[in-house]
Amino acid sequence: MTSKNKYLGLDPAMAKSIRYHAWRLKRSKYLAHHDTEDIEQDLLYELYSCLSQYNEKKGSFQSFANKVISRRSNNLIYRQLSAKRGAKVPTASLNQENAKGYTLLDSVPDNNWIEQDLEIQIDVNNYISKLPRDWHLLCEQLKVFTVTEIAKISGRSRATIYRDQELIMSSLQAIVTSLPMSLNTLSN
């Protein structure tokens, strides 16, 4: 099916590039349910939104437009892949029996695990509060920030932060091994 979009005032080579990439995306399994015209409009919008970034000293407008259209079409595929992540994960019923005759409902722990989890959290927080000041601060930051963000905030290298994180984890290993067996298997 050919597109009915008109590109008045646009270089015919760019219109051809937009149509080609829209056709390519439409043929992919990730955007097959979209209309070609909609994909073309998305690509044209992306091109117009990037016009302020064009620098004629770096190259021709034609090459700039082709790069933008190409990259944006790839980004559309990546966005669709991100949206569909986990779509192939099978679903299961709580009443479905496995080969041994057990159901998932049989393996759900009682409400007692919530209290045990809370007790463990309190113990871990108590242990973290007793860590050296630098490690305590790092644990608090790791609750909120990524390692890269912490590195920018603190001015330390990511390698140092990862090393400190491993040292903290090895010191917390005693707590993890002392967990009840049922919780230890649930966390894995």
N, C-alpha and C. Protein backbone atom coordinates (compact mmCIF):
# COMPACT_ATOMS: atom_id res chain seq x y z
N MET A 1 0.84 -1.17 0.00
CA MET A 1 0.00 0.00 0.00
C MET A 1 0.89 1.23 0.00
N THR A 2 0.65 2.14 -0.90
CA THR A 2 1.45 3.35 -0.99
C THR A 2 0.88 4.42 -0.07
N SER A 3 1.77 5.29 0.37
CA SER A 3 1.38 6.36 1.27
C SER A 3 0.63 7.45 0.52
N LYS A 4 -0.32 8.05 1.21
CA LYS A 4 -1.07 9.16 0.62
C LYS A 4 -0.58 10.50 1.16
N ASN A 5 0.47 10.47 1.97
CA ASN A 5 1.02 11.72 2.50
C ASN A 5 1.69 12.52 1.40
N LYS A 6 1.51 13.83 1.45
CA LYS A 6 2.14 14.75 0.50
C LYS A 6 3.20 15.55 1.23
N TYR A 7 4.33 15.74 0.60
CA TYR A 7 5.43 16.47 1.20
C TYR A 7 5.75 17.70 0.37
N LEU A 8 4.83 18.65 0.36
CA LEU A 8 5.04 19.86 -0.41
C LEU A 8 6.10 20.71 0.27
N GLY A 9 7.04 21.21 -0.50
CA GLY A 9 8.10 22.05 0.04
C GLY A 9 9.27 21.27 0.61
N LEU A 10 9.20 19.95 0.61
CA LEU A 10 10.28 19.12 1.13
C LEU A 10 11.05 18.53 -0.04
N ASP A 11 12.35 18.48 0.10
CA ASP A 11 13.20 17.91 -0.94
C ASP A 11 12.70 16.50 -1.28
N PRO A 12 12.51 16.19 -2.56
CA PRO A 12 12.01 14.86 -2.94
C PRO A 12 12.90 13.72 -2.44
N ALA A 13 14.20 13.95 -2.34
CA ALA A 13 15.09 12.90 -1.85
C ALA A 13 14.81 12.60 -0.38
N MET A 14 14.51 13.63 0.41
CA MET A 14 14.18 13.42 1.81
C MET A 14 12.83 12.73 1.95
N ALA A 15 11.87 13.13 1.13
CA ALA A 15 10.56 12.47 1.15
C ALA A 15 10.72 10.99 0.81
N LYS A 16 11.60 10.70 -0.15
CA LYS A 16 11.84 9.31 -0.53
C LYS A 16 12.49 8.55 0.63
N SER A 17 13.41 9.21 1.34
CA SER A 17 14.06 8.57 2.48
C SER A 17 13.04 8.29 3.59
N ILE A 18 12.16 9.25 3.85
CA ILE A 18 11.13 9.05 4.87
C ILE A 18 10.21 7.90 4.47
N ARG A 19 9.81 7.86 3.21
CA ARG A 19 8.93 6.78 2.75
C ARG A 19 9.63 5.42 2.85
N TYR A 20 10.92 5.39 2.48
CA TYR A 20 11.66 4.14 2.56
C TYR A 20 11.72 3.62 4.00
N HIS A 21 12.09 4.50 4.93
CA HIS A 21 12.21 4.06 6.32
C HIS A 21 10.85 3.68 6.90
N ALA A 22 9.80 4.39 6.52
CA ALA A 22 8.47 4.02 6.98
C ALA A 22 8.07 2.65 6.43
N TRP A 23 8.40 2.40 5.17
CA TRP A 23 8.12 1.09 4.56
C TRP A 23 8.90 0.00 5.27
N ARG A 24 10.17 0.29 5.58
CA ARG A 24 11.03 -0.68 6.28
C ARG A 24 10.47 -0.98 7.66
N LEU A 25 10.03 0.05 8.38
CA LEU A 25 9.47 -0.15 9.71
C LEU A 25 8.15 -0.91 9.65
N LYS A 26 7.34 -0.60 8.67
CA LYS A 26 6.05 -1.28 8.52
C LYS A 26 6.25 -2.77 8.27
N ARG A 27 7.30 -3.11 7.56
CA ARG A 27 7.57 -4.52 7.27
C ARG A 27 8.16 -5.26 8.46
N SER A 28 8.71 -4.53 9.43
CA SER A 28 9.27 -5.19 10.61
C SER A 28 8.13 -5.74 11.47
N LYS A 29 8.43 -6.76 12.22
CA LYS A 29 7.38 -7.36 13.05
C LYS A 29 7.01 -6.49 14.24
N TYR A 30 7.83 -5.47 14.53
CA TYR A 30 7.58 -4.64 15.70
C TYR A 30 6.59 -3.52 15.43
N LEU A 31 6.50 -3.06 14.20
CA LEU A 31 5.60 -1.96 13.88
C LEU A 31 4.59 -2.34 12.79
N ALA A 32 4.35 -3.60 12.61
CA ALA A 32 3.45 -4.07 11.55
C ALA A 32 2.02 -3.58 11.76
N HIS A 33 1.64 -3.33 13.00
CA HIS A 33 0.28 -2.90 13.29
C HIS A 33 0.07 -1.39 13.11
N HIS A 34 1.13 -0.64 12.81
CA HIS A 34 1.01 0.80 12.60
C HIS A 34 0.74 1.10 11.12
N ASP A 35 0.11 2.23 10.87
CA ASP A 35 -0.11 2.68 9.50
C ASP A 35 1.17 3.30 8.96
N THR A 36 1.43 3.08 7.69
CA THR A 36 2.62 3.65 7.06
C THR A 36 2.59 5.17 7.14
N GLU A 37 1.42 5.76 6.94
CA GLU A 37 1.30 7.22 6.99
C GLU A 37 1.65 7.75 8.38
N ASP A 38 1.23 7.04 9.42
CA ASP A 38 1.55 7.48 10.78
C ASP A 38 3.05 7.41 11.03
N ILE A 39 3.68 6.35 10.55
CA ILE A 39 5.13 6.22 10.73
C ILE A 39 5.85 7.33 9.99
N GLU A 40 5.40 7.63 8.77
CA GLU A 40 6.01 8.73 8.01
C GLU A 40 5.86 10.05 8.76
N GLN A 41 4.70 10.29 9.32
CA GLN A 41 4.48 11.53 10.06
C GLN A 41 5.37 11.60 11.30
N ASP A 42 5.53 10.48 11.98
CA ASP A 42 6.43 10.45 13.14
C ASP A 42 7.86 10.79 12.73
N LEU A 43 8.31 10.20 11.63
CA LEU A 43 9.68 10.46 11.17
C LEU A 43 9.84 11.92 10.73
N LEU A 44 8.85 12.46 10.05
CA LEU A 44 8.91 13.85 9.62
C LEU A 44 8.92 14.78 10.83
N TYR A 45 8.10 14.47 11.83
CA TYR A 45 8.09 15.27 13.05
C TYR A 45 9.47 15.24 13.72
N GLU A 46 10.07 14.05 13.79
CA GLU A 46 11.39 13.93 14.39
C GLU A 46 12.43 14.74 13.62
N LEU A 47 12.32 14.73 12.30
CA LEU A 47 13.24 15.52 11.47
C LEU A 47 13.07 17.00 11.77
N TYR A 48 11.83 17.48 11.81
CA TYR A 48 11.59 18.89 12.09
C TYR A 48 12.03 19.27 13.50
N SER A 49 11.87 18.38 14.45
CA SER A 49 12.28 18.70 15.82
C SER A 49 13.79 18.77 15.97
N CYS A 50 14.53 18.18 15.03
CA CYS A 50 16.00 18.19 15.09
C CYS A 50 16.63 19.27 14.21
N LEU A 51 15.81 20.05 13.53
CA LEU A 51 16.36 21.06 12.61
C LEU A 51 17.27 22.05 13.31
N SER A 52 17.00 22.36 14.56
CA SER A 52 17.84 23.33 15.28
C SER A 52 19.25 22.79 15.53
N GLN A 53 19.43 21.49 15.44
CA GLN A 53 20.75 20.88 15.66
C GLN A 53 21.60 20.85 14.40
N TYR A 54 21.02 21.22 13.27
CA TYR A 54 21.77 21.16 12.01
C TYR A 54 22.85 22.23 12.00
N ASN A 55 24.06 21.82 11.59
CA ASN A 55 25.20 22.72 11.46
C ASN A 55 25.75 22.54 10.06
N GLU A 56 25.61 23.56 9.23
CA GLU A 56 26.03 23.43 7.83
C GLU A 56 27.54 23.27 7.69
N LYS A 57 28.30 23.61 8.71
CA LYS A 57 29.76 23.45 8.66
C LYS A 57 30.16 21.98 8.76
N LYS A 58 29.29 21.16 9.35
CA LYS A 58 29.60 19.75 9.53
C LYS A 58 29.19 18.88 8.36
N GLY A 59 28.32 19.35 7.50
CA GLY A 59 27.91 18.54 6.37
C GLY A 59 26.67 19.10 5.71
N SER A 60 26.26 18.43 4.66
CA SER A 60 25.09 18.89 3.91
C SER A 60 23.81 18.58 4.68
N PHE A 61 22.77 19.32 4.35
CA PHE A 61 21.48 19.08 4.98
C PHE A 61 20.94 17.71 4.61
N GLN A 62 21.22 17.28 3.40
CA GLN A 62 20.75 15.96 2.94
C GLN A 62 21.32 14.85 3.82
N SER A 63 22.62 14.89 4.09
CA SER A 63 23.22 13.85 4.93
C SER A 63 22.72 13.94 6.37
N PHE A 64 22.53 15.18 6.87
CA PHE A 64 21.99 15.36 8.21
C PHE A 64 20.59 14.75 8.31
N ALA A 65 19.75 15.06 7.33
CA ALA A 65 18.38 14.57 7.34
C ALA A 65 18.35 13.04 7.24
N ASN A 66 19.19 12.48 6.39
CA ASN A 66 19.23 11.02 6.27
C ASN A 66 19.65 10.36 7.57
N LYS A 67 20.63 10.94 8.26
CA LYS A 67 21.09 10.37 9.54
C LYS A 67 19.97 10.46 10.58
N VAL A 68 19.31 11.62 10.65
CA VAL A 68 18.23 11.79 11.63
C VAL A 68 17.11 10.78 11.35
N ILE A 69 16.70 10.67 10.12
CA ILE A 69 15.60 9.77 9.77
C ILE A 69 16.00 8.32 10.06
N SER A 70 17.22 7.96 9.70
CA SER A 70 17.69 6.59 9.93
C SER A 70 17.74 6.28 11.42
N ARG A 71 18.32 7.18 12.19
CA ARG A 71 18.43 6.94 13.64
C ARG A 71 17.08 6.94 14.32
N ARG A 72 16.21 7.83 13.90
CA ARG A 72 14.88 7.88 14.52
C ARG A 72 14.07 6.65 14.18
N SER A 73 14.24 6.13 12.98
CA SER A 73 13.51 4.90 12.63
C SER A 73 14.02 3.73 13.46
N ASN A 74 15.33 3.69 13.70
CA ASN A 74 15.88 2.65 14.58
C ASN A 74 15.38 2.83 16.00
N ASN A 75 15.26 4.08 16.46
CA ASN A 75 14.75 4.34 17.80
C ASN A 75 13.30 3.89 17.95
N LEU A 76 12.52 4.02 16.89
CA LEU A 76 11.14 3.53 16.96
C LEU A 76 11.11 2.03 17.20
N ILE A 77 12.00 1.31 16.54
CA ILE A 77 12.08 -0.14 16.76
C ILE A 77 12.52 -0.44 18.19
N TYR A 78 13.54 0.29 18.67
CA TYR A 78 14.01 0.06 20.04
C TYR A 78 12.91 0.37 21.06
N ARG A 79 12.13 1.41 20.83
CA ARG A 79 11.02 1.72 21.74
C ARG A 79 10.00 0.60 21.76
N GLN A 80 9.70 0.06 20.59
CA GLN A 80 8.75 -1.04 20.53
C GLN A 80 9.29 -2.28 21.22
N LEU A 81 10.59 -2.53 21.05
CA LEU A 81 11.21 -3.67 21.73
C LEU A 81 11.14 -3.48 23.24
N SER A 82 11.40 -2.27 23.70
CA SER A 82 11.34 -1.99 25.13
C SER A 82 9.93 -2.18 25.66
N ALA A 83 8.95 -1.75 24.90
CA ALA A 83 7.56 -1.89 25.32
C ALA A 83 7.14 -3.35 25.37
N LYS A 84 7.74 -4.16 24.52
CA LYS A 84 7.32 -5.56 24.44
C LYS A 84 8.20 -6.48 25.28
N ARG A 85 9.18 -5.95 25.97
CA ARG A 85 10.03 -6.80 26.80
C ARG A 85 9.18 -7.54 27.81
N GLY A 86 9.42 -8.80 27.92
CA GLY A 86 8.65 -9.59 28.84
C GLY A 86 7.36 -10.14 28.26
N ALA A 87 7.07 -9.79 27.00
CA ALA A 87 5.82 -10.25 26.40
C ALA A 87 5.83 -11.75 26.16
N LYS A 88 7.01 -12.33 26.04
CA LYS A 88 7.09 -13.77 25.76
C LYS A 88 7.18 -14.60 27.04
N VAL A 89 7.06 -13.95 28.19
CA VAL A 89 7.10 -14.68 29.45
C VAL A 89 5.78 -15.42 29.60
N PRO A 90 5.84 -16.72 29.80
CA PRO A 90 4.59 -17.47 29.92
C PRO A 90 3.87 -17.13 31.21
N THR A 91 2.58 -17.16 31.17
CA THR A 91 1.79 -16.93 32.37
C THR A 91 1.36 -18.28 32.92
N ALA A 92 1.14 -18.32 34.20
CA ALA A 92 0.74 -19.57 34.84
C ALA A 92 -0.39 -19.31 35.82
N SER A 93 -1.22 -20.29 35.99
CA SER A 93 -2.30 -20.21 36.95
C SER A 93 -1.81 -20.73 38.29
N LEU A 94 -2.36 -20.19 39.37
CA LEU A 94 -1.98 -20.67 40.69
C LEU A 94 -2.49 -22.09 40.92
N ASN A 95 -3.49 -22.51 40.17
CA ASN A 95 -4.07 -23.84 40.35
C ASN A 95 -3.51 -24.87 39.37
N GLN A 96 -2.63 -24.45 38.48
CA GLN A 96 -2.08 -25.37 37.49
C GLN A 96 -1.07 -26.30 38.17
N GLU A 97 -1.25 -27.60 37.97
CA GLU A 97 -0.37 -28.58 38.60
C GLU A 97 0.87 -28.82 37.76
N ASN A 98 2.00 -29.03 38.46
CA ASN A 98 3.22 -29.41 37.75
C ASN A 98 3.29 -30.93 37.66
N ALA A 99 4.43 -31.46 37.20
CA ALA A 99 4.57 -32.90 36.99
C ALA A 99 4.42 -33.70 38.28
N LYS A 100 4.76 -33.08 39.41
CA LYS A 100 4.67 -33.78 40.70
C LYS A 100 3.31 -33.63 41.37
N GLY A 101 2.40 -32.90 40.73
CA GLY A 101 1.07 -32.75 41.28
C GLY A 101 0.92 -31.56 42.21
N TYR A 102 1.95 -30.71 42.32
CA TYR A 102 1.87 -29.53 43.18
C TYR A 102 1.40 -28.33 42.36
N THR A 103 0.68 -27.43 43.00
CA THR A 103 0.27 -26.19 42.35
C THR A 103 1.10 -25.04 42.89
N LEU A 104 1.09 -23.92 42.19
CA LEU A 104 1.79 -22.74 42.68
C LEU A 104 1.18 -22.26 43.99
N LEU A 105 -0.10 -22.46 44.15
CA LEU A 105 -0.78 -22.06 45.37
C LEU A 105 -0.22 -22.82 46.57
N ASP A 106 0.23 -24.07 46.35
CA ASP A 106 0.82 -24.86 47.42
C ASP A 106 2.15 -24.27 47.90
N SER A 107 2.86 -23.54 47.01
CA SER A 107 4.18 -23.03 47.37
C SER A 107 4.15 -21.60 47.91
N VAL A 108 2.96 -20.99 47.96
CA VAL A 108 2.87 -19.63 48.51
C VAL A 108 3.00 -19.73 50.02
N PRO A 109 3.96 -18.98 50.60
CA PRO A 109 4.14 -19.06 52.05
C PRO A 109 2.98 -18.39 52.78
N ASP A 110 2.89 -18.67 54.05
CA ASP A 110 1.84 -18.03 54.84
C ASP A 110 2.19 -16.57 55.10
N ASN A 111 1.31 -15.86 55.76
CA ASN A 111 1.51 -14.44 56.02
C ASN A 111 2.67 -14.16 56.97
N ASN A 112 3.20 -15.18 57.57
CA ASN A 112 4.30 -15.03 58.52
C ASN A 112 5.56 -14.47 57.84
N TRP A 113 5.71 -14.66 56.53
CA TRP A 113 6.91 -14.21 55.85
C TRP A 113 7.02 -12.69 55.84
N ILE A 114 5.88 -11.98 55.88
CA ILE A 114 5.92 -10.52 55.91
C ILE A 114 6.57 -10.03 57.19
N GLU A 115 6.21 -10.64 58.31
CA GLU A 115 6.82 -10.27 59.58
C GLU A 115 8.30 -10.60 59.59
N GLN A 116 8.66 -11.76 59.05
CA GLN A 116 10.07 -12.13 59.00
C GLN A 116 10.86 -11.16 58.11
N ASP A 117 10.27 -10.76 56.99
CA ASP A 117 10.93 -9.83 56.09
C ASP A 117 11.14 -8.49 56.78
N LEU A 118 10.16 -8.04 57.53
CA LEU A 118 10.27 -6.79 58.26
C LEU A 118 11.37 -6.88 59.32
N GLU A 119 11.43 -8.00 60.01
CA GLU A 119 12.49 -8.20 61.00
C GLU A 119 13.87 -8.17 60.35
N ILE A 120 13.99 -8.80 59.20
CA ILE A 120 15.27 -8.81 58.49
C ILE A 120 15.64 -7.40 58.06
N GLN A 121 14.66 -6.65 57.55
CA GLN A 121 14.91 -5.27 57.12
C GLN A 121 15.39 -4.42 58.30
N ILE A 122 14.78 -4.62 59.45
CA ILE A 122 15.20 -3.88 60.64
C ILE A 122 16.63 -4.26 61.02
N ASP A 123 16.94 -5.56 60.96
CA ASP A 123 18.30 -6.01 61.28
C ASP A 123 19.32 -5.43 60.31
N VAL A 124 18.99 -5.44 59.03
CA VAL A 124 19.92 -4.91 58.02
C VAL A 124 20.12 -3.42 58.23
N ASN A 125 19.04 -2.68 58.46
CA ASN A 125 19.17 -1.24 58.72
C ASN A 125 20.00 -0.97 59.97
N ASN A 126 19.81 -1.79 60.98
CA ASN A 126 20.60 -1.65 62.20
C ASN A 126 22.08 -1.91 61.91
N TYR A 127 22.37 -2.94 61.13
CA TYR A 127 23.75 -3.25 60.79
C TYR A 127 24.37 -2.13 59.94
N ILE A 128 23.61 -1.60 58.99
CA ILE A 128 24.11 -0.52 58.14
C ILE A 128 24.42 0.72 58.97
N SER A 129 23.60 0.98 59.97
CA SER A 129 23.85 2.15 60.81
C SER A 129 25.15 2.03 61.60
N LYS A 130 25.63 0.80 61.80
CA LYS A 130 26.88 0.58 62.54
C LYS A 130 28.10 0.53 61.64
N LEU A 131 27.90 0.63 60.34
CA LEU A 131 29.03 0.62 59.40
C LEU A 131 29.83 1.90 59.54
N PRO A 132 31.07 1.90 59.03
CA PRO A 132 31.83 3.15 59.00
C PRO A 132 31.05 4.22 58.25
N ARG A 133 31.32 5.47 58.59
CA ARG A 133 30.55 6.60 58.05
C ARG A 133 30.49 6.59 56.53
N ASP A 134 31.60 6.33 55.84
CA ASP A 134 31.63 6.33 54.37
C ASP A 134 30.74 5.22 53.81
N TRP A 135 30.80 4.04 54.40
CA TRP A 135 30.00 2.93 53.91
C TRP A 135 28.52 3.16 54.20
N HIS A 136 28.24 3.72 55.37
CA HIS A 136 26.85 4.02 55.72
C HIS A 136 26.27 5.02 54.72
N LEU A 137 27.03 6.05 54.40
CA LEU A 137 26.58 7.03 53.42
C LEU A 137 26.37 6.38 52.05
N LEU A 138 27.29 5.50 51.66
CA LEU A 138 27.15 4.81 50.38
C LEU A 138 25.88 3.95 50.34
N CYS A 139 25.59 3.25 51.41
CA CYS A 139 24.37 2.42 51.46
C CYS A 139 23.13 3.29 51.33
N GLU A 140 23.12 4.43 52.01
CA GLU A 140 21.97 5.33 51.91
C GLU A 140 21.82 5.89 50.50
N GLN A 141 22.95 6.21 49.86
CA GLN A 141 22.90 6.71 48.49
C GLN A 141 22.44 5.64 47.51
N LEU A 142 22.86 4.39 47.74
CA LEU A 142 22.47 3.31 46.84
C LEU A 142 20.97 3.02 46.90
N LYS A 143 20.32 3.43 47.95
CA LYS A 143 18.87 3.27 48.03
C LYS A 143 18.16 4.18 47.03
N VAL A 144 18.83 5.27 46.64
CA VAL A 144 18.18 6.28 45.81
C VAL A 144 18.84 6.42 44.43
N PHE A 145 20.17 6.38 44.39
CA PHE A 145 20.90 6.69 43.17
C PHE A 145 21.57 5.46 42.57
N THR A 146 21.94 5.58 41.30
CA THR A 146 22.75 4.55 40.65
C THR A 146 24.22 4.81 40.99
N VAL A 147 25.06 3.84 40.69
CA VAL A 147 26.49 4.00 40.95
C VAL A 147 27.07 5.16 40.15
N THR A 148 26.64 5.31 38.92
CA THR A 148 27.12 6.41 38.09
C THR A 148 26.73 7.76 38.69
N GLU A 149 25.51 7.87 39.17
CA GLU A 149 25.08 9.12 39.79
C GLU A 149 25.85 9.41 41.07
N ILE A 150 26.10 8.38 41.85
CA ILE A 150 26.88 8.55 43.08
C ILE A 150 28.30 9.01 42.75
N ALA A 151 28.88 8.44 41.69
CA ALA A 151 30.22 8.83 41.29
C ALA A 151 30.26 10.32 40.92
N LYS A 152 29.25 10.80 40.23
CA LYS A 152 29.19 12.23 39.87
C LYS A 152 29.01 13.10 41.11
N ILE A 153 28.16 12.65 42.02
CA ILE A 153 27.89 13.44 43.23
C ILE A 153 29.12 13.51 44.12
N SER A 154 29.74 12.36 44.34
CA SER A 154 30.84 12.30 45.31
C SER A 154 32.20 12.59 44.71
N GLY A 155 32.32 12.55 43.39
CA GLY A 155 33.62 12.79 42.76
C GLY A 155 34.56 11.59 42.84
N ARG A 156 34.01 10.43 43.20
CA ARG A 156 34.82 9.20 43.26
C ARG A 156 34.60 8.41 41.99
N SER A 157 35.52 7.52 41.70
CA SER A 157 35.38 6.70 40.50
C SER A 157 34.34 5.61 40.75
N ARG A 158 33.74 5.14 39.67
CA ARG A 158 32.76 4.06 39.78
C ARG A 158 33.43 2.79 40.28
N ALA A 159 34.68 2.57 39.88
CA ALA A 159 35.39 1.37 40.32
C ALA A 159 35.54 1.36 41.84
N THR A 160 35.84 2.51 42.42
CA THR A 160 35.96 2.60 43.88
C THR A 160 34.63 2.33 44.55
N ILE A 161 33.57 2.86 43.97
CA ILE A 161 32.24 2.64 44.55
C ILE A 161 31.86 1.18 44.45
N TYR A 162 32.14 0.55 43.30
CA TYR A 162 31.84 -0.88 43.16
C TYR A 162 32.66 -1.71 44.14
N ARG A 163 33.93 -1.33 44.34
CA ARG A 163 34.78 -2.06 45.29
C ARG A 163 34.22 -1.93 46.69
N ASP A 164 33.84 -0.72 47.09
CA ASP A 164 33.25 -0.52 48.41
C ASP A 164 31.94 -1.30 48.55
N GLN A 165 31.17 -1.33 47.49
CA GLN A 165 29.91 -2.07 47.51
C GLN A 165 30.17 -3.56 47.72
N GLU A 166 31.20 -4.09 47.07
CA GLU A 166 31.55 -5.50 47.27
C GLU A 166 32.02 -5.77 48.69
N LEU A 167 32.78 -4.85 49.26
CA LEU A 167 33.23 -5.01 50.65
C LEU A 167 32.04 -5.00 51.61
N ILE A 168 31.10 -4.10 51.35
CA ILE A 168 29.90 -4.05 52.20
C ILE A 168 29.11 -5.35 52.06
N MET A 169 28.97 -5.83 50.83
CA MET A 169 28.21 -7.06 50.61
C MET A 169 28.88 -8.26 51.28
N SER A 170 30.20 -8.31 51.22
CA SER A 170 30.88 -9.44 51.87
C SER A 170 30.71 -9.36 53.38
N SER A 171 30.65 -8.15 53.94
CA SER A 171 30.43 -8.04 55.38
C SER A 171 28.97 -8.35 55.75
N LEU A 172 28.05 -8.15 54.80
CA LEU A 172 26.64 -8.49 55.04
C LEU A 172 26.34 -9.96 54.76
N GLN A 173 27.30 -10.68 54.21
CA GLN A 173 27.08 -12.08 53.84
C GLN A 173 26.67 -12.92 55.04
N ALA A 174 27.17 -12.59 56.20
CA ALA A 174 26.81 -13.35 57.40
C ALA A 174 25.32 -13.24 57.69
N ILE A 175 24.75 -12.07 57.43
CA ILE A 175 23.31 -11.89 57.66
C ILE A 175 22.52 -12.71 56.66
N VAL A 176 22.94 -12.71 55.40
CA VAL A 176 22.22 -13.43 54.36
C VAL A 176 22.24 -14.93 54.62
N THR A 177 23.38 -15.45 55.05
CA THR A 177 23.46 -16.89 55.30
C THR A 177 22.69 -17.29 56.54
N SER A 178 22.39 -16.34 57.43
CA SER A 178 21.62 -16.68 58.62
C SER A 178 20.11 -16.58 58.40
N LEU A 179 19.70 -16.24 57.18
CA LEU A 179 18.27 -16.17 56.88
C LEU A 179 17.64 -17.55 56.97
N PRO A 180 16.37 -17.62 57.34
CA PRO A 180 15.67 -18.91 57.30
C PRO A 180 15.69 -19.45 55.87
N MET A 181 15.73 -20.75 55.73
CA MET A 181 15.85 -21.38 54.42
C MET A 181 14.73 -20.97 53.48
N SER A 182 13.49 -20.84 53.96
CA SER A 182 12.37 -20.50 53.08
C SER A 182 12.53 -19.10 52.49
N LEU A 183 13.02 -18.15 53.28
CA LEU A 183 13.24 -16.79 52.74
C LEU A 183 14.45 -16.74 51.84
N ASN A 184 15.47 -17.50 52.18
CA ASN A 184 16.67 -17.52 51.37
C ASN A 184 16.37 -18.03 49.97
N THR A 185 15.52 -19.02 49.84
CA THR A 185 15.18 -19.55 48.51
C THR A 185 14.22 -18.61 47.78
N LEU A 186 13.38 -17.88 48.52
CA LEU A 186 12.48 -16.94 47.86
C LEU A 186 13.23 -15.76 47.27
N SER A 187 14.30 -15.31 47.91
CA SER A 187 15.03 -14.16 47.41
C SER A 187 15.87 -14.50 46.19
N ASN A 188 16.15 -15.75 45.94
CA ASN A 188 16.93 -16.15 44.75
C ASN A 188 16.07 -16.29 43.61
